[in-house]
Each structure stands twice: as C-alpha cells, then as structure tokens.
Amino acid sequence: MNLQIEFLYFRGCPNQEKARQILLEVLRENQIKITLHNMRIDSRDEAVAKRFLGSPTIRINGMDIDPSAEHRADFGMQCRVYLAGGKYTGMPSKEMICSALLRFTESRNAGQRALADSTAPTANAPQLERSISPICC
C-alpha cells in the first residue's frame, strides 16, 4: 500500500505529541509501514500556503482525515478541534484515523477492481480469485 501521511503541527501545540502517538499506534496495530512526514508550520503565510487548518492536522495522500475539512478555508496558526463521539477535542480519535485509512483503501481497492473488471476474462476463461483485505481497528 502506497501511503503518504503528513503530520502538520506548530511548535507549542498541546495536542501534537498525543495525536502523533495515536497515529503511530493505529499504523502499528494495522501493520502499515510508512514514512511519516512531520511538517512544522512556523508562520501564517506558511499555514495558508500549506492549507493548514490548525494543529494537529493529519493528511493521507494529501487528503485531510476529517471529511468535513474538504471545503474549509480557515487556514492559520490555531489549535485544531475535531468532533469525536459527540464531543469536541483537540486531536483526532483513533476511530477517525482508522476511518480515514479505511476510506483511502476502499477507494484505492475500488479503482483496482474497476481496472480488473475492464480486463476481465471472457466467459469461457478461468476466473482468478481476487482478495481485497480491509484494514483497520
């Protein structure tokens, strides 16, 4: 699985270490080996350029783990809040990270299935069994 995971934060963020630990725990539990790109944001200009919604922010292949963030544009040097379990919190939950990983793998697997279906064998040819394994908690 080819995952690029970015962890964006600013110096002094009270939630960034715990959020990073949760992310690493999820990756370890699911046996996902990646290089984590830690990106410290140091200015408002950099925050706008990197589309930084606040600290901590986690992106998988460029997509924020929070689907509701897609249309946001409030970039800047602020603490990030996430809605998890009906409560606002300063870091994403383990479940939110797992859901994001699952969404990514499902969309990736759907693309693989579409490619496989477009090259499907004829009716008389033997069928090969395909296995798609979901990940997550």
Protein backbone atom coordinates (compact mmCIF):
# COMPACT_ATOMS: atom_id res chain seq x y z
CA MET A 1 0.00 0.00 0.00
CA ASN A 2 1.48 3.34 -1.03
CA LEU A 3 0.52 5.84 1.66
CA GLN A 4 1.91 9.29 2.18
CA ILE A 5 0.98 10.52 5.63
CA GLU A 6 1.64 14.09 6.68
CA PHE A 7 1.50 15.26 10.27
CA LEU A 8 1.27 19.06 10.44
CA TYR A 9 1.65 20.99 13.68
CA PHE A 10 3.03 24.17 15.18
CA ARG A 11 5.61 24.47 17.96
CA GLY A 12 3.97 24.50 21.37
CA CYS A 13 0.77 22.72 20.33
CA PRO A 14 -0.50 20.98 23.47
CA ASN A 15 -2.06 18.11 21.49
CA GLN A 16 0.51 17.30 18.83
CA GLU A 17 2.52 14.68 20.75
CA LYS A 18 -0.54 12.70 21.87
CA ALA A 19 -2.06 12.92 18.36
CA ARG A 20 1.20 11.65 16.84
CA GLN A 21 1.23 8.76 19.34
CA ILE A 22 -2.35 7.81 18.42
CA LEU A 23 -1.49 7.92 14.70
CA LEU A 24 1.60 5.74 15.18
CA GLU A 25 -0.39 3.31 17.32
CA VAL A 26 -3.04 2.91 14.61
CA LEU A 27 -0.37 2.35 11.96
CA ARG A 28 1.42 -0.19 14.15
CA GLU A 29 -1.78 -2.09 15.05
CA ASN A 30 -2.68 -2.35 11.36
CA GLN A 31 0.88 -3.23 10.33
CA ILE A 32 1.08 -0.26 7.99
CA LYS A 33 4.65 0.75 7.29
CA ILE A 34 5.07 4.28 6.01
CA THR A 35 7.37 7.22 6.35
CA LEU A 36 5.62 9.84 8.41
CA HIS A 37 6.23 13.35 7.10
CA ASN A 38 6.31 15.69 10.10
CA MET A 39 5.75 19.26 8.98
CA ARG A 40 6.17 22.06 11.48
CA ILE A 41 4.29 25.20 10.44
CA ASP A 42 6.01 28.38 11.59
CA SER A 43 4.00 31.30 10.18
CA ARG A 44 0.59 32.35 8.97
CA ASP A 45 1.89 32.64 5.41
CA GLU A 46 3.17 29.08 5.57
CA ALA A 47 -0.14 27.96 7.11
CA VAL A 48 -2.06 29.43 4.18
CA ALA A 49 0.39 28.01 1.61
CA LYS A 50 0.14 24.51 3.17
CA ARG A 51 -3.65 24.79 3.66
CA PHE A 52 -3.09 24.22 7.39
CA LEU A 53 -6.37 24.12 9.32
CA GLY A 54 -4.67 24.06 12.69
CA SER A 55 -2.55 21.88 14.92
CA PRO A 56 -2.54 18.94 14.75
CA THR A 57 -3.58 18.09 11.18
CA ILE A 58 -3.18 14.65 9.61
CA ARG A 59 -3.44 14.03 5.88
CA ILE A 60 -3.36 10.75 3.98
CA ASN A 61 -2.18 11.17 0.40
CA GLY A 62 -2.96 14.86 0.65
CA MET A 63 -6.49 14.41 1.99
CA ASP A 64 -7.43 15.54 5.49
CA ILE A 65 -8.57 12.68 7.72
CA ASP A 66 -11.69 14.68 8.59
CA PRO A 67 -14.05 14.57 5.58
CA SER A 68 -15.76 17.76 6.78
CA ALA A 69 -12.49 19.66 6.27
CA GLU A 70 -12.68 19.37 2.47
CA HIS A 71 -14.47 22.71 1.97
CA ARG A 72 -12.87 24.65 4.82
CA ALA A 73 -10.58 27.59 4.19
CA ASP A 74 -9.87 28.87 7.70
CA PHE A 75 -6.12 28.32 7.41
CA GLY A 76 -3.86 29.71 10.10
CA MET A 77 -1.91 29.27 13.29
CA GLN A 78 -4.65 27.95 15.55
CA CYS A 79 -5.44 24.88 17.57
CA ARG A 80 -7.46 22.34 15.62
CA VAL A 81 -10.66 20.86 17.01
CA TYR A 82 -12.23 17.58 15.97
CA LEU A 83 -15.72 16.27 16.62
CA ALA A 84 -15.36 12.76 18.03
CA GLY A 85 -18.06 10.82 19.80
CA GLY A 86 -20.31 13.87 20.01
CA LYS A 87 -17.61 15.92 21.78
CA TYR A 88 -15.09 18.45 20.58
CA THR A 89 -11.50 17.51 21.24
CA GLY A 90 -8.08 18.86 20.36
CA MET A 91 -6.94 15.76 18.49
CA PRO A 92 -8.42 13.16 16.18
CA SER A 93 -9.64 9.95 17.74
CA LYS A 94 -8.21 6.57 16.92
CA GLU A 95 -11.50 5.75 15.19
CA MET A 96 -11.28 8.86 12.99
CA ILE A 97 -7.79 7.89 11.84
CA CYS A 98 -8.94 4.30 11.20
CA SER A 99 -11.94 5.52 9.21
CA ALA A 100 -9.71 7.73 7.08
CA LEU A 101 -7.36 4.82 6.37
CA LEU A 102 -10.32 2.63 5.51
CA ARG A 103 -11.79 5.28 3.16
CA PHE A 104 -8.48 5.55 1.38
CA THR A 105 -8.05 1.79 0.97
CA GLU A 106 -11.67 1.35 -0.15
CA SER A 107 -11.29 4.00 -2.86
CA ARG A 108 -7.94 2.51 -3.88
CA ASN A 109 -9.42 -1.01 -3.98
CA ALA A 110 -12.43 0.24 -5.98
CA GLY A 111 -10.01 1.61 -8.56
CA GLN A 112 -8.19 -1.72 -8.66
CA ARG A 113 -11.49 -3.59 -9.06
CA ALA A 114 -12.53 -1.29 -11.92
CA LEU A 115 -9.22 -1.91 -13.66
CA ALA A 116 -9.52 -5.66 -13.09
CA ASP A 117 -13.12 -5.63 -14.38
CA SER A 118 -12.08 -3.74 -17.51
CA THR A 119 -9.60 -6.51 -18.28
CA ALA A 120 -11.93 -9.32 -17.18
CA PRO A 121 -11.54 -12.65 -18.93
CA THR A 122 -14.10 -13.87 -21.42
CA ALA A 123 -16.94 -16.12 -20.28
CA ASN A 124 -15.06 -19.35 -21.04
CA ALA A 125 -11.75 -18.31 -19.48
CA PRO A 126 -10.92 -19.43 -15.94
CA GLN A 127 -11.66 -16.90 -13.21
CA LEU A 128 -8.89 -15.92 -10.81
CA GLU A 129 -9.91 -15.30 -7.24
CA ARG A 130 -9.20 -11.75 -6.06
CA SER A 131 -8.78 -10.90 -2.42
CA ILE A 132 -9.07 -7.38 -1.07
CA SER A 133 -8.30 -7.08 2.59
CA PRO A 134 -9.65 -4.11 4.50
CA ILE A 135 -7.58 -2.55 7.20
CA CYS A 136 -8.46 -1.02 10.46
CA CYS A 137 -9.31 -1.17 14.03
